[in-house]
Amino acid sequence: MARVLIVEARYYSHLNDMLLAGARKALASHHVEVVTVPGALEIPGAIALAAEGGEFDAFVGLGVVIRGETYHFEIVAGESARGVMALTMDGTPVGNGILTVEDEAQAIVRADPAQGDKGGDAARAALALLQVQERFA
């Protein structure tokens, strides 16, 4: 049984509820804790801080970034993905469930466990990376 920390950016609560439901279902046989951060940019930092403690085996980042009228979308989408990838490349098993979408309708389809189940996909990705890490450790 893996110890998994889900770090969620709860900016869009109704969408995160769906992502979290999918992730929890995929991790049902594992020890799971959840922490909430203000936005997607904070997800990699929170994972990095938690990883230092050694309490968790794998991590899942969940959040939604919806394109707006400013360049802010590109910064948040790109930098949160870069941060998660940097953690992964440094050997931290992280499943990236940060949705980057054009509108709420796209987010609903991707977040809903009965449709896209990206929360579940991110959880399964974290477990897959953990297996690779254990295989080659």
N, C-alpha and C. Protein backbone atom coordinates (compact mmCIF):
# COMPACT_ATOMS: atom_id res chain seq x y z
N MET A 1 0.85 -1.18 0.00
CA MET A 1 0.00 0.00 0.00
C MET A 1 0.89 1.24 0.00
N ALA A 2 0.71 2.07 -1.00
CA ALA A 2 1.50 3.31 -1.12
C ALA A 2 0.88 4.42 -0.28
N ARG A 3 1.74 5.32 0.14
CA ARG A 3 1.30 6.53 0.84
C ARG A 3 1.33 7.65 -0.19
N VAL A 4 0.16 8.19 -0.52
CA VAL A 4 0.03 9.16 -1.60
C VAL A 4 -0.54 10.47 -1.07
N LEU A 5 0.13 11.56 -1.45
CA LEU A 5 -0.38 12.88 -1.11
C LEU A 5 -0.98 13.51 -2.36
N ILE A 6 -2.21 13.92 -2.25
CA ILE A 6 -2.86 14.69 -3.31
C ILE A 6 -2.76 16.15 -2.93
N VAL A 7 -2.19 16.95 -3.84
CA VAL A 7 -2.13 18.40 -3.64
C VAL A 7 -3.09 19.00 -4.65
N GLU A 8 -4.10 19.66 -4.14
CA GLU A 8 -5.11 20.21 -5.04
C GLU A 8 -5.18 21.73 -4.93
N ALA A 9 -5.33 22.34 -6.08
CA ALA A 9 -5.60 23.78 -6.16
C ALA A 9 -7.11 23.92 -6.30
N ARG A 10 -7.73 24.44 -5.28
CA ARG A 10 -9.19 24.43 -5.21
C ARG A 10 -9.79 25.72 -5.77
N TYR A 11 -9.26 26.21 -6.86
CA TYR A 11 -9.75 27.45 -7.43
C TYR A 11 -11.17 27.28 -7.99
N TYR A 12 -11.42 26.16 -8.62
CA TYR A 12 -12.76 25.84 -9.14
C TYR A 12 -13.26 24.62 -8.38
N SER A 13 -13.93 24.84 -7.26
CA SER A 13 -14.30 23.76 -6.36
C SER A 13 -15.12 22.67 -7.03
N HIS A 14 -16.12 23.04 -7.83
CA HIS A 14 -16.99 22.03 -8.45
C HIS A 14 -16.22 21.14 -9.42
N LEU A 15 -15.21 21.69 -10.08
CA LEU A 15 -14.39 20.88 -10.98
C LEU A 15 -13.40 20.03 -10.19
N ASN A 16 -12.83 20.60 -9.15
CA ASN A 16 -11.90 19.84 -8.33
C ASN A 16 -12.59 18.70 -7.60
N ASP A 17 -13.86 18.89 -7.25
CA ASP A 17 -14.59 17.79 -6.61
C ASP A 17 -14.58 16.56 -7.51
N MET A 18 -14.77 16.76 -8.82
CA MET A 18 -14.76 15.64 -9.76
C MET A 18 -13.36 15.04 -9.91
N LEU A 19 -12.34 15.90 -10.03
CA LEU A 19 -10.98 15.40 -10.14
C LEU A 19 -10.60 14.58 -8.90
N LEU A 20 -10.95 15.11 -7.75
CA LEU A 20 -10.63 14.45 -6.49
C LEU A 20 -11.37 13.12 -6.36
N ALA A 21 -12.61 13.07 -6.79
CA ALA A 21 -13.37 11.82 -6.73
C ALA A 21 -12.70 10.75 -7.59
N GLY A 22 -12.26 11.12 -8.78
CA GLY A 22 -11.59 10.16 -9.64
C GLY A 22 -10.27 9.69 -9.06
N ALA A 23 -9.51 10.61 -8.49
CA ALA A 23 -8.23 10.25 -7.89
C ALA A 23 -8.43 9.34 -6.69
N ARG A 24 -9.38 9.69 -5.84
CA ARG A 24 -9.63 8.86 -4.65
C ARG A 24 -10.06 7.44 -5.04
N LYS A 25 -10.87 7.33 -6.06
CA LYS A 25 -11.32 6.00 -6.51
C LYS A 25 -10.13 5.19 -7.00
N ALA A 26 -9.24 5.81 -7.78
CA ALA A 26 -8.07 5.11 -8.30
C ALA A 26 -7.10 4.72 -7.19
N LEU A 27 -7.14 5.44 -6.09
CA LEU A 27 -6.22 5.20 -4.97
C LEU A 27 -6.90 4.52 -3.79
N ALA A 28 -8.04 3.90 -4.03
CA ALA A 28 -8.86 3.36 -2.94
C ALA A 28 -8.11 2.37 -2.05
N SER A 29 -7.16 1.65 -2.58
CA SER A 29 -6.45 0.65 -1.78
C SER A 29 -5.14 1.19 -1.18
N HIS A 30 -4.97 2.51 -1.23
CA HIS A 30 -3.75 3.14 -0.73
C HIS A 30 -4.07 4.15 0.37
N HIS A 31 -3.06 4.52 1.14
CA HIS A 31 -3.21 5.57 2.15
C HIS A 31 -3.14 6.91 1.43
N VAL A 32 -4.17 7.73 1.55
CA VAL A 32 -4.25 8.99 0.83
C VAL A 32 -4.50 10.14 1.80
N GLU A 33 -3.75 11.21 1.61
CA GLU A 33 -4.02 12.47 2.30
C GLU A 33 -4.14 13.55 1.24
N VAL A 34 -4.86 14.61 1.60
CA VAL A 34 -5.10 15.72 0.67
C VAL A 34 -4.73 17.02 1.35
N VAL A 35 -3.99 17.86 0.64
CA VAL A 35 -3.75 19.23 1.08
C VAL A 35 -4.21 20.15 -0.03
N THR A 36 -4.65 21.33 0.37
CA THR A 36 -5.17 22.30 -0.58
C THR A 36 -4.26 23.51 -0.62
N VAL A 37 -3.99 23.98 -1.84
CA VAL A 37 -3.21 25.20 -2.05
C VAL A 37 -4.07 26.17 -2.87
N PRO A 38 -3.70 27.46 -2.88
CA PRO A 38 -4.55 28.45 -3.54
C PRO A 38 -4.72 28.26 -5.04
N GLY A 39 -3.65 27.91 -5.76
CA GLY A 39 -3.74 27.81 -7.21
C GLY A 39 -2.75 26.82 -7.77
N ALA A 40 -2.84 26.61 -9.08
CA ALA A 40 -1.99 25.62 -9.76
C ALA A 40 -0.51 25.93 -9.63
N LEU A 41 -0.14 27.19 -9.57
CA LEU A 41 1.27 27.54 -9.44
C LEU A 41 1.88 27.04 -8.13
N GLU A 42 1.06 26.87 -7.12
CA GLU A 42 1.56 26.43 -5.83
C GLU A 42 1.69 24.91 -5.71
N ILE A 43 1.11 24.17 -6.63
CA ILE A 43 1.13 22.71 -6.55
C ILE A 43 2.56 22.14 -6.54
N PRO A 44 3.42 22.50 -7.50
CA PRO A 44 4.78 21.92 -7.46
C PRO A 44 5.55 22.26 -6.19
N GLY A 45 5.41 23.47 -5.71
CA GLY A 45 6.10 23.87 -4.48
C GLY A 45 5.63 23.07 -3.29
N ALA A 46 4.34 22.86 -3.18
CA ALA A 46 3.80 22.08 -2.07
C ALA A 46 4.27 20.63 -2.14
N ILE A 47 4.30 20.08 -3.35
CA ILE A 47 4.80 18.71 -3.50
C ILE A 47 6.27 18.64 -3.11
N ALA A 48 7.06 19.60 -3.56
CA ALA A 48 8.49 19.61 -3.23
C ALA A 48 8.69 19.67 -1.72
N LEU A 49 7.94 20.51 -1.04
CA LEU A 49 8.06 20.62 0.42
C LEU A 49 7.67 19.31 1.10
N ALA A 50 6.59 18.71 0.65
CA ALA A 50 6.14 17.45 1.25
C ALA A 50 7.11 16.31 0.95
N ALA A 51 7.68 16.30 -0.24
CA ALA A 51 8.60 15.23 -0.62
C ALA A 51 9.85 15.23 0.26
N GLU A 52 10.26 16.41 0.71
CA GLU A 52 11.44 16.51 1.58
C GLU A 52 11.26 15.73 2.87
N GLY A 53 10.03 15.64 3.34
CA GLY A 53 9.77 14.97 4.61
C GLY A 53 9.84 13.46 4.53
N GLY A 54 9.73 12.89 3.35
CA GLY A 54 9.81 11.44 3.18
C GLY A 54 8.62 10.66 3.67
N GLU A 55 7.53 11.33 3.99
CA GLU A 55 6.35 10.66 4.53
C GLU A 55 5.52 9.98 3.45
N PHE A 56 5.65 10.46 2.20
CA PHE A 56 4.82 9.96 1.11
C PHE A 56 5.66 9.29 0.04
N ASP A 57 5.05 8.31 -0.62
CA ASP A 57 5.72 7.56 -1.69
C ASP A 57 5.49 8.19 -3.06
N ALA A 58 4.34 8.80 -3.23
CA ALA A 58 3.96 9.37 -4.53
C ALA A 58 3.03 10.55 -4.31
N PHE A 59 2.86 11.34 -5.36
CA PHE A 59 2.09 12.58 -5.27
C PHE A 59 1.20 12.72 -6.50
N VAL A 60 0.08 13.41 -6.28
CA VAL A 60 -0.85 13.73 -7.36
C VAL A 60 -1.17 15.21 -7.26
N GLY A 61 -0.99 15.94 -8.35
CA GLY A 61 -1.37 17.34 -8.40
C GLY A 61 -2.68 17.47 -9.16
N LEU A 62 -3.66 18.14 -8.56
CA LEU A 62 -4.96 18.33 -9.19
C LEU A 62 -5.33 19.81 -9.22
N GLY A 63 -5.83 20.26 -10.34
CA GLY A 63 -6.28 21.63 -10.46
C GLY A 63 -6.81 21.88 -11.86
N VAL A 64 -7.36 23.06 -12.04
CA VAL A 64 -7.92 23.44 -13.33
C VAL A 64 -7.48 24.86 -13.65
N VAL A 65 -6.97 25.03 -14.86
CA VAL A 65 -6.60 26.35 -15.36
C VAL A 65 -7.41 26.58 -16.63
N ILE A 66 -8.28 27.60 -16.59
CA ILE A 66 -9.14 27.91 -17.74
C ILE A 66 -8.63 29.19 -18.40
N ARG A 67 -8.49 29.12 -19.72
CA ARG A 67 -7.98 30.28 -20.46
C ARG A 67 -8.88 31.49 -20.22
N GLY A 68 -8.24 32.61 -19.94
CA GLY A 68 -8.96 33.86 -19.76
C GLY A 68 -8.59 34.84 -20.85
N GLU A 69 -8.75 36.10 -20.56
CA GLU A 69 -8.50 37.14 -21.56
C GLU A 69 -7.07 37.67 -21.52
N THR A 70 -6.27 37.19 -20.58
CA THR A 70 -4.92 37.72 -20.45
C THR A 70 -3.89 36.60 -20.62
N TYR A 71 -2.64 36.99 -20.64
CA TYR A 71 -1.52 36.07 -20.78
C TYR A 71 -1.31 35.20 -19.54
N HIS A 72 -1.99 35.51 -18.47
CA HIS A 72 -1.84 34.78 -17.21
C HIS A 72 -2.04 33.27 -17.40
N PHE A 73 -2.96 32.87 -18.27
CA PHE A 73 -3.22 31.45 -18.53
C PHE A 73 -1.94 30.74 -18.95
N GLU A 74 -1.21 31.33 -19.90
CA GLU A 74 0.00 30.69 -20.40
C GLU A 74 1.05 30.54 -19.30
N ILE A 75 1.16 31.53 -18.45
CA ILE A 75 2.13 31.46 -17.36
C ILE A 75 1.74 30.36 -16.39
N VAL A 76 0.50 30.35 -15.94
CA VAL A 76 0.07 29.36 -14.96
C VAL A 76 0.13 27.95 -15.55
N ALA A 77 -0.37 27.78 -16.76
CA ALA A 77 -0.36 26.45 -17.39
C ALA A 77 1.06 25.96 -17.60
N GLY A 78 1.91 26.81 -18.17
CA GLY A 78 3.27 26.40 -18.47
C GLY A 78 4.13 26.18 -17.25
N GLU A 79 4.07 27.10 -16.31
CA GLU A 79 4.94 27.00 -15.14
C GLU A 79 4.51 25.89 -14.18
N SER A 80 3.22 25.64 -14.06
CA SER A 80 2.81 24.54 -13.19
C SER A 80 3.23 23.21 -13.81
N ALA A 81 3.08 23.07 -15.13
CA ALA A 81 3.53 21.85 -15.80
C ALA A 81 5.04 21.69 -15.71
N ARG A 82 5.77 22.79 -15.88
CA ARG A 82 7.23 22.73 -15.78
C ARG A 82 7.66 22.31 -14.39
N GLY A 83 7.00 22.85 -13.37
CA GLY A 83 7.33 22.50 -12.00
C GLY A 83 7.08 21.04 -11.69
N VAL A 84 5.95 20.52 -12.15
CA VAL A 84 5.64 19.10 -11.95
C VAL A 84 6.66 18.24 -12.69
N MET A 85 6.99 18.61 -13.92
CA MET A 85 7.95 17.83 -14.69
C MET A 85 9.33 17.85 -14.04
N ALA A 86 9.73 18.99 -13.50
CA ALA A 86 11.04 19.08 -12.83
C ALA A 86 11.08 18.13 -11.63
N LEU A 87 10.01 18.06 -10.87
CA LEU A 87 9.96 17.13 -9.74
C LEU A 87 10.08 15.69 -10.22
N THR A 88 9.36 15.37 -11.27
CA THR A 88 9.39 14.02 -11.82
C THR A 88 10.78 13.66 -12.32
N MET A 89 11.42 14.59 -13.01
CA MET A 89 12.75 14.34 -13.54
C MET A 89 13.79 14.20 -12.42
N ASP A 90 13.49 14.77 -11.27
CA ASP A 90 14.38 14.63 -10.11
C ASP A 90 14.09 13.37 -9.29
N GLY A 91 13.13 12.56 -9.76
CA GLY A 91 12.87 11.29 -9.10
C GLY A 91 11.68 11.25 -8.17
N THR A 92 10.86 12.27 -8.17
CA THR A 92 9.65 12.27 -7.35
C THR A 92 8.48 11.79 -8.20
N PRO A 93 7.84 10.68 -7.82
CA PRO A 93 6.70 10.19 -8.61
C PRO A 93 5.49 11.11 -8.46
N VAL A 94 5.17 11.84 -9.52
CA VAL A 94 4.07 12.79 -9.51
C VAL A 94 3.15 12.52 -10.70
N GLY A 95 1.88 12.40 -10.43
CA GLY A 95 0.87 12.34 -11.48
C GLY A 95 0.30 13.72 -11.68
N ASN A 96 0.35 14.21 -12.92
CA ASN A 96 -0.09 15.57 -13.21
C ASN A 96 -1.56 15.58 -13.62
N GLY A 97 -2.40 16.05 -12.73
CA GLY A 97 -3.82 16.19 -13.00
C GLY A 97 -4.25 17.64 -13.03
N ILE A 98 -3.36 18.50 -13.52
CA ILE A 98 -3.69 19.91 -13.67
C ILE A 98 -4.24 20.10 -15.07
N LEU A 99 -5.54 20.31 -15.17
CA LEU A 99 -6.18 20.50 -16.47
C LEU A 99 -5.91 21.91 -16.98
N THR A 100 -5.57 22.03 -18.24
CA THR A 100 -5.42 23.33 -18.89
C THR A 100 -6.37 23.33 -20.08
N VAL A 101 -7.42 24.13 -19.98
CA VAL A 101 -8.52 24.05 -20.94
C VAL A 101 -8.94 25.43 -21.42
N GLU A 102 -9.69 25.43 -22.49
CA GLU A 102 -10.20 26.67 -23.08
C GLU A 102 -11.41 27.21 -22.33
N ASP A 103 -12.25 26.30 -21.82
CA ASP A 103 -13.49 26.74 -21.17
C ASP A 103 -13.97 25.70 -20.16
N GLU A 104 -14.98 26.07 -19.42
CA GLU A 104 -15.50 25.19 -18.38
C GLU A 104 -16.06 23.89 -18.94
N ALA A 105 -16.68 23.95 -20.11
CA ALA A 105 -17.25 22.74 -20.71
C ALA A 105 -16.17 21.69 -20.95
N GLN A 106 -15.02 22.10 -21.44
CA GLN A 106 -13.91 21.16 -21.63
C GLN A 106 -13.45 20.60 -20.29
N ALA A 107 -13.40 21.45 -19.28
CA ALA A 107 -12.95 21.01 -17.95
C ALA A 107 -13.90 19.96 -17.38
N ILE A 108 -15.19 20.16 -17.55
CA ILE A 108 -16.17 19.22 -17.01
C ILE A 108 -15.99 17.85 -17.64
N VAL A 109 -15.84 17.80 -18.96
CA VAL A 109 -15.67 16.51 -19.64
C VAL A 109 -14.41 15.81 -19.15
N ARG A 110 -13.33 16.55 -18.98
CA ARG A 110 -12.07 15.95 -18.57
C ARG A 110 -12.05 15.56 -17.09
N ALA A 111 -12.70 16.36 -16.25
CA ALA A 111 -12.66 16.12 -14.81
C ALA A 111 -13.64 15.03 -14.35
N ASP A 112 -14.76 14.91 -15.01
CA ASP A 112 -15.82 13.98 -14.60
C ASP A 112 -15.30 12.54 -14.63
N PRO A 113 -15.35 11.83 -13.50
CA PRO A 113 -14.88 10.45 -13.48
C PRO A 113 -15.61 9.53 -14.46
N ALA A 114 -16.84 9.88 -14.83
CA ALA A 114 -17.60 9.06 -15.77
C ALA A 114 -17.26 9.39 -17.23
N GLN A 115 -16.44 10.42 -17.44
CA GLN A 115 -16.07 10.80 -18.80
C GLN A 115 -14.55 10.72 -18.96
N GLY A 116 -13.85 11.82 -18.80
CA GLY A 116 -12.41 11.83 -19.02
C GLY A 116 -11.60 11.27 -17.87
N ASP A 117 -12.10 11.39 -16.65
CA ASP A 117 -11.46 10.88 -15.43
C ASP A 117 -9.97 11.24 -15.33
N LYS A 118 -9.65 12.49 -15.56
CA LYS A 118 -8.25 12.91 -15.50
C LYS A 118 -7.69 12.88 -14.07
N GLY A 119 -8.54 12.98 -13.07
CA GLY A 119 -8.07 12.81 -11.70
C GLY A 119 -7.62 11.37 -11.47
N GLY A 120 -8.41 10.42 -11.94
CA GLY A 120 -8.04 9.01 -11.85
C GLY A 120 -6.80 8.71 -12.66
N ASP A 121 -6.73 9.29 -13.86
CA ASP A 121 -5.54 9.09 -14.70
C ASP A 121 -4.28 9.59 -14.01
N ALA A 122 -4.36 10.74 -13.37
CA ALA A 122 -3.19 11.31 -12.68
C ALA A 122 -2.77 10.41 -11.52
N ALA A 123 -3.74 9.87 -10.80
CA ALA A 123 -3.43 8.97 -9.68
C ALA A 123 -2.76 7.70 -10.19
N ARG A 124 -3.30 7.15 -11.27
CA ARG A 124 -2.70 5.93 -11.84
C ARG A 124 -1.30 6.21 -12.38
N ALA A 125 -1.08 7.40 -12.93
CA ALA A 125 0.25 7.77 -13.41
C ALA A 125 1.25 7.85 -12.26
N ALA A 126 0.83 8.41 -11.14
CA ALA A 126 1.71 8.49 -9.97
C ALA A 126 2.10 7.10 -9.50
N LEU A 127 1.14 6.19 -9.46
CA LEU A 127 1.43 4.82 -9.03
C LEU A 127 2.34 4.11 -10.03
N ALA A 128 2.15 4.37 -11.31
CA ALA A 128 3.01 3.77 -12.34
C ALA A 128 4.44 4.26 -12.19
N LEU A 129 4.61 5.55 -11.94
CA LEU A 129 5.96 6.09 -11.74
C LEU A 129 6.59 5.53 -10.47
N LEU A 130 5.79 5.33 -9.44
CA LEU A 130 6.29 4.72 -8.22
C LEU A 130 6.80 3.31 -8.49
N GLN A 131 6.07 2.55 -9.29
CA GLN A 131 6.50 1.20 -9.65
C GLN A 131 7.82 1.22 -10.42
N VAL A 132 7.97 2.17 -11.33
CA VAL A 132 9.23 2.29 -12.07
C VAL A 132 10.36 2.62 -11.11
N GLN A 133 10.10 3.56 -10.19
CA GLN A 133 11.11 3.94 -9.22
C GLN A 133 11.53 2.74 -8.36
N GLU A 134 10.56 1.97 -7.90
CA GLU A 134 10.87 0.80 -7.08
C GLU A 134 11.61 -0.25 -7.88
N ARG A 135 11.30 -0.40 -9.14
CA ARG A 135 11.96 -1.37 -10.01
C ARG A 135 13.43 -1.07 -10.20
N PHE A 136 13.77 0.20 -10.31
CA PHE A 136 15.14 0.59 -10.60
C PHE A 136 15.91 1.16 -9.43
N ALA A 137 15.30 1.14 -8.24
CA ALA A 137 15.97 1.68 -7.06
C ALA A 137 17.08 0.77 -6.57
